[in-house]
Protein backbone atom coordinates (compact mmCIF):
# COMPACT_ATOMS: atom_id res chain seq x y z
CA MET A 1 -3.42 -1.86 -3.56
CA ASN A 2 -6.99 -3.13 -3.91
CA PHE A 3 -7.83 -4.72 -0.57
CA PRO A 4 -10.78 -3.28 1.36
CA LYS A 5 -9.89 -2.11 4.84
CA SER A 6 -12.02 -4.75 6.53
CA GLU A 7 -9.93 -7.53 5.00
CA LEU A 8 -6.55 -6.26 6.18
CA TYR A 9 -6.31 -2.95 7.99
CA ASN A 10 -8.96 -3.20 10.71
CA ASP A 11 -6.91 -5.69 12.77
CA VAL A 12 -3.94 -3.30 12.68
CA ALA A 13 -6.05 -0.25 13.56
CA GLU A 14 -7.75 -2.06 16.43
CA TRP A 15 -4.34 -3.06 17.83
CA PHE A 16 -3.09 0.54 17.80
CA GLN A 17 -6.39 1.67 19.31
CA ARG A 18 -6.00 -0.77 22.21
CA GLU A 19 -2.48 0.60 22.79
CA GLY A 20 -3.86 4.09 23.29
CA PHE A 21 -3.45 5.57 19.80
CA THR A 22 -6.27 7.26 17.92
CA ALA A 23 -6.40 5.27 14.68
CA MET A 24 -8.19 6.27 11.49
CA VAL A 25 -8.52 3.74 8.68
CA TYR A 26 -10.20 4.23 5.31
CA ASP A 27 -10.50 2.59 1.92
CA PRO A 28 -8.43 4.34 -0.76
CA ARG A 29 -10.37 6.22 -3.42
CA GLY A 30 -12.05 3.87 -5.85
CA VAL A 31 -11.80 0.86 -3.51
CA GLY A 32 -14.37 -0.75 -1.21
CA ALA A 33 -16.58 1.76 0.57
CA SER A 34 -14.83 4.85 -0.82
CA ASP A 35 -16.09 6.69 -3.87
CA GLY A 36 -14.03 7.62 -6.91
CA SER A 37 -14.71 7.40 -10.61
CA PRO A 38 -14.10 5.09 -12.29
CA PRO A 39 -14.12 2.57 -9.45
CA ASN A 40 -11.10 0.30 -8.97
CA GLU A 41 -8.76 2.71 -10.73
CA ILE A 42 -5.65 2.92 -8.56
CA ASN A 43 -3.73 6.18 -8.88
CA PRO A 44 -0.92 6.44 -6.30
CA ALA A 45 -0.36 10.16 -6.90
CA LYS A 46 -4.02 10.90 -6.14
CA GLN A 47 -4.04 8.54 -3.19
CA THR A 48 -0.99 10.32 -1.77
CA GLU A 49 -2.94 13.59 -1.95
CA ASP A 50 -5.70 11.85 0.02
CA ILE A 51 -3.19 11.19 2.82
CA HIS A 52 -2.61 14.93 3.14
CA ASP A 53 -6.38 15.38 3.39
CA ALA A 54 -6.58 12.66 6.04
CA VAL A 55 -3.91 14.46 8.09
CA THR A 56 -5.86 17.71 7.75
CA PHE A 57 -8.97 15.96 9.05
CA LEU A 58 -7.11 14.33 11.95
CA LYS A 59 -5.72 17.69 13.04
CA SER A 60 -9.27 18.97 13.41
CA LEU A 61 -10.15 16.34 16.03
CA PRO A 62 -9.89 17.41 19.68
CA ALA A 63 -8.52 13.98 20.69
CA VAL A 64 -5.56 14.22 18.31
CA ASP A 65 -2.22 15.78 19.27
CA PRO A 66 -1.05 17.53 16.07
CA LYS A 67 2.56 17.10 17.17
CA ARG A 68 2.21 13.31 17.22
CA ILE A 69 0.60 12.33 13.93
CA ALA A 70 1.99 9.19 12.28
CA VAL A 71 1.05 7.55 8.99
CA TRP A 72 1.02 3.80 8.45
CA GLY A 73 0.85 1.97 5.16
CA TYR A 74 1.23 -1.46 3.61
CA SER A 75 2.50 -2.26 0.09
CA LEU A 76 1.48 0.54 -2.28
CA GLY A 77 -0.01 2.39 0.70
CA ALA A 78 3.39 2.27 2.41
CA ALA A 79 5.04 3.92 -0.59
CA GLU A 80 2.31 6.55 -0.62
CA CYS A 81 2.87 7.28 3.08
CA LEU A 82 6.59 7.77 2.43
CA ALA A 83 5.86 10.10 -0.48
CA ALA A 84 3.41 12.08 1.66
CA ALA A 85 5.88 12.43 4.53
CA ALA A 86 8.54 13.82 2.18
CA VAL A 87 6.49 16.99 1.62
CA ASP A 88 4.16 17.17 4.62
CA GLN A 89 5.91 18.25 7.81
CA ARG A 90 2.72 17.67 9.80
CA ILE A 91 3.56 13.95 9.55
CA LYS A 92 5.87 13.18 12.47
CA LEU A 93 6.54 9.46 11.90
CA VAL A 94 6.08 6.79 9.22
CA VAL A 95 5.59 3.04 9.52
CA ALA A 96 5.97 1.47 6.08
CA ILE A 97 5.30 -2.24 5.46
CA CYS A 98 6.71 -3.74 2.22
CA PRO A 99 6.82 -0.63 -0.01
CA SER A 100 8.22 -0.33 -3.51
CA GLY A 101 9.72 2.90 -4.82
CA ASN A 102 8.65 2.28 -8.42
CA PRO A 103 5.79 -0.24 -8.41
CA TRP A 104 5.71 -1.07 -12.11
CA GLY A 105 8.92 0.17 -13.70
CA GLY A 106 12.28 -1.33 -14.37
CA HIS A 107 11.63 -5.08 -14.45
CA GLU A 108 9.20 -5.81 -17.28
CA ARG A 109 10.52 -6.77 -20.68
CA ASN A 110 10.23 -3.98 -23.26
CA ASP A 111 7.93 -6.02 -25.52
CA GLU A 112 5.60 -6.88 -22.64
CA ARG A 113 5.56 -3.30 -21.37
CA ASN A 114 4.85 -1.93 -24.84
CA ARG A 115 2.02 -4.43 -25.35
CA VAL A 116 0.40 -3.42 -22.06
CA LEU A 117 0.80 0.30 -22.72
CA ALA A 118 -0.71 -0.09 -26.19
CA ARG A 119 -3.78 -1.59 -24.52
CA VAL A 120 -3.81 1.33 -22.07
CA MET A 121 -3.97 3.80 -24.94
CA ARG A 122 -6.72 1.82 -26.72
CA ASP A 123 -8.67 2.05 -23.48
CA ARG A 124 -8.32 5.83 -23.42
CA GLU A 125 -9.68 6.03 -26.96
CA SER A 126 -12.49 3.64 -26.05
CA ARG A 127 -13.46 5.74 -23.00
CA LEU A 128 -13.67 8.83 -25.19
CA ARG A 129 -16.30 7.00 -27.25
CA GLY A 130 -18.33 6.48 -24.07
CA ASN A 131 -17.39 2.87 -23.36
CA SER A 132 -16.71 1.44 -19.91
CA PRO A 133 -13.07 1.16 -18.79
CA PHE A 134 -11.07 -1.94 -19.67
CA GLU A 135 -10.50 -4.01 -16.53
CA LEU A 136 -8.02 -6.66 -15.39
CA PRO A 137 -8.51 -9.28 -12.67
CA PHE A 138 -6.69 -8.21 -9.52
CA MET A 139 -6.03 -11.62 -7.95
CA GLY A 140 -6.78 -14.90 -9.66
CA GLU A 141 -5.42 -17.74 -11.74
CA SER A 142 -5.54 -16.21 -15.21
CA GLU A 143 -2.37 -14.90 -16.86
CA ALA A 144 -3.92 -11.42 -16.96
CA SER A 145 -4.21 -11.24 -13.16
CA ILE A 146 -2.05 -8.66 -11.40
CA PHE A 147 -1.45 -11.20 -8.63
CA ASN A 148 -1.29 -14.49 -10.56
CA ILE A 149 -2.00 -17.24 -8.04
CA ARG A 150 -0.66 -19.95 -10.35
CA VAL A 151 2.70 -18.18 -10.50
CA LEU A 152 2.84 -17.25 -6.83
CA ARG A 153 1.52 -20.56 -5.48
CA GLY A 154 4.29 -22.36 -3.61
CA ARG A 155 5.75 -19.01 -2.49
CA MET A 156 2.65 -17.87 -0.60
CA SER A 157 -0.22 -19.31 1.37
CA GLU A 158 -3.79 -19.53 0.12
CA GLN A 159 -4.88 -17.08 2.85
CA PRO A 160 -4.55 -13.88 0.76
CA TYR A 161 -6.63 -15.37 -2.05
CA GLU A 162 -9.23 -16.41 0.51
CA ALA A 163 -9.24 -12.82 1.81
CA VAL A 164 -10.18 -11.57 -1.65
CA ARG A 165 -12.96 -14.11 -1.97
CA THR A 166 -14.21 -13.15 1.49
CA GLY A 167 -14.08 -9.51 0.45
CA LEU A 168 -16.09 -10.20 -2.68
CA ALA A 169 -18.78 -11.85 -0.59
CA SER A 170 -18.92 -9.49 2.38
CA VAL A 171 -17.80 -5.98 1.38
CA ASP A 172 -20.39 -3.85 -0.34
CA GLY A 173 -19.10 -2.57 -3.67
CA TYR A 174 -15.81 -4.49 -3.66
CA ARG A 175 -14.76 -6.02 -6.96
CA ASN A 176 -11.69 -8.17 -7.66
CA VAL A 177 -10.55 -6.04 -10.62
CA ILE A 178 -8.53 -2.94 -11.44
CA THR A 179 -8.82 -0.69 -14.49
CA VAL A 180 -6.12 -0.98 -17.10
CA GLN A 181 -5.32 2.73 -16.60
CA THR A 182 -4.01 1.71 -13.18
CA LEU A 183 -0.93 0.35 -14.95
CA LEU A 184 -0.24 3.74 -16.54
CA HIS A 185 -0.53 5.46 -13.17
CA MET A 186 1.89 2.92 -11.69
CA ALA A 187 4.37 3.18 -14.54
CA SER A 188 4.65 6.96 -14.22
CA TRP A 189 5.06 7.04 -10.42
CA ASN A 190 8.46 6.84 -8.72
CA ILE A 191 9.15 8.04 -5.18
CA MET A 192 12.88 7.37 -4.91
CA GLU A 193 14.00 10.99 -5.34
CA LEU A 194 11.74 11.96 -2.45
CA MET A 195 13.27 9.58 0.10
CA PRO A 196 16.13 11.83 1.32
CA MET A 197 13.56 14.61 1.89
CA ILE A 198 11.76 12.66 4.65
CA SER A 199 14.56 13.14 7.20
CA PRO A 200 14.41 14.10 10.07
CA THR A 201 11.00 12.40 10.25
CA PRO A 202 11.55 8.90 11.75
CA VAL A 203 10.77 5.94 9.49
CA PHE A 204 10.24 2.34 10.58
CA LEU A 205 10.54 0.11 7.51
CA ILE A 206 9.34 -3.50 7.74
CA LEU A 207 10.08 -5.97 4.94
CA ALA A 208 9.15 -9.61 4.37
CA ASP A 209 12.13 -11.95 4.09
CA GLU A 210 10.31 -14.17 1.59
CA ASP A 211 8.55 -11.42 -0.37
CA GLU A 212 7.37 -13.07 -3.58
CA ILE A 213 7.25 -9.77 -5.49
CA ARG A 214 10.78 -9.04 -6.66
CA ARG A 215 10.42 -5.30 -7.15
CA VAL A 216 9.23 -4.99 -3.54
CA ARG A 217 11.89 -7.34 -2.17
CA GLU A 218 14.64 -5.37 -3.91
CA GLY A 219 12.95 -1.97 -3.85
CA GLY A 220 12.42 -2.01 -0.10
CA ARG A 221 16.16 -2.26 0.46
CA GLU A 222 16.76 0.58 -1.99
CA ILE A 223 14.27 2.73 -0.09
CA TYR A 224 16.03 2.05 3.20
CA GLU A 225 19.42 3.00 1.77
CA ALA A 226 17.99 6.23 0.33
CA LEU A 227 16.37 7.33 3.60
CA GLY A 228 18.14 9.73 5.92
CA GLU A 229 18.19 9.34 9.69
CA PRO A 230 16.48 8.45 11.91
CA LYS A 231 15.38 5.15 10.45
CA GLN A 232 15.02 1.52 11.48
CA LEU A 233 14.70 -1.66 9.42
CA HIS A 234 13.09 -4.93 10.44
CA VAL A 235 12.96 -7.95 8.12
CA GLU A 236 10.29 -10.43 9.18
CA PRO A 237 11.52 -14.01 8.58
CA ASP A 238 9.49 -16.65 6.76
CA ARG A 239 6.83 -14.21 5.60
CA GLY A 240 5.77 -13.13 2.14
CA HIS A 241 4.25 -9.97 0.76
CA LEU A 242 0.68 -11.12 1.12
CA ASP A 243 0.85 -12.79 4.52
CA ILE A 244 3.15 -10.51 6.54
CA LEU A 245 0.16 -9.07 8.42
CA THR A 246 -1.82 -12.27 8.83
CA ASN A 247 -3.51 -12.18 12.22
CA ASP A 248 -2.07 -15.39 13.69
CA GLU A 249 0.27 -16.29 16.55
CA ARG A 250 3.01 -14.05 15.10
CA PHE A 251 0.83 -10.98 14.67
CA PRO A 252 1.29 -9.65 18.24
CA ALA A 253 5.09 -9.61 17.90
CA ILE A 254 5.15 -7.63 14.66
CA MET A 255 2.59 -5.19 16.03
CA LYS A 256 4.59 -4.76 19.26
CA ARG A 257 7.64 -3.73 17.22
CA GLN A 258 5.60 -0.97 15.62
CA VAL A 259 4.11 0.20 18.91
CA ASP A 260 7.57 0.28 20.50
CA TYR A 261 8.86 2.45 17.65
CA LEU A 262 5.96 4.86 18.06
CA MET A 263 6.50 5.00 21.81
CA LYS A 264 10.19 5.72 21.30
CA TYR A 265 9.39 8.99 19.53
CA PHE A 266 5.92 9.86 20.83
CA GLY A 267 6.07 8.63 24.40
CA GLU A 268 3.03 7.51 26.39
């Protein structure tokens, strides 16, 4: 959602590259090295459009076979890849890691949701007066944090939090915040009706057995049930949402599963 590519995706891209795949990785709009105004405003609908543009760019490269273009995504990016594949027949395969069909809806209490949305609307009025966007901490220990470490601690390792702190120190332009309008974009985005449209494009769905985010843990299963064939599900044991792709002794095995799925449909 708000991780720069260097803190998560480069290890995955380099693995695919070593296996003979042309891999393109980029920061989503408004994050890390990518532009977008205001920065750190996450809009999944716009980011899904960017996937279509990325496919268009890939097709222009002489080294790319347009009949063997796959999209890969993690968390919100995984949901965006699924949404893109539902309407873009140039996408021939999807690998989706820990997606959620409706990232913000359905689980919050009405009073909490209404309080947050009231703040969203105050922010829109404030922006009209020329003020800077309201922001929320992305990952931290305050109650306002999107990923509240105090709540998640005990169900996750410290590694993801360390990744954010590393990102803050080493990635030019990266900030550990999101705009409050991000919550409005999340609340109004739901991909579930698109899932049956993806077939016959193959989908490899990977979930974390110990996912600490309930809407992802439950939503991933709902996505799999809604998908047509062909599809494959793998549930990685003893992993959570934020450490499923940690580059440790288990990383090669989870990457091999993805490579094998690609090879099954794309060949050498």
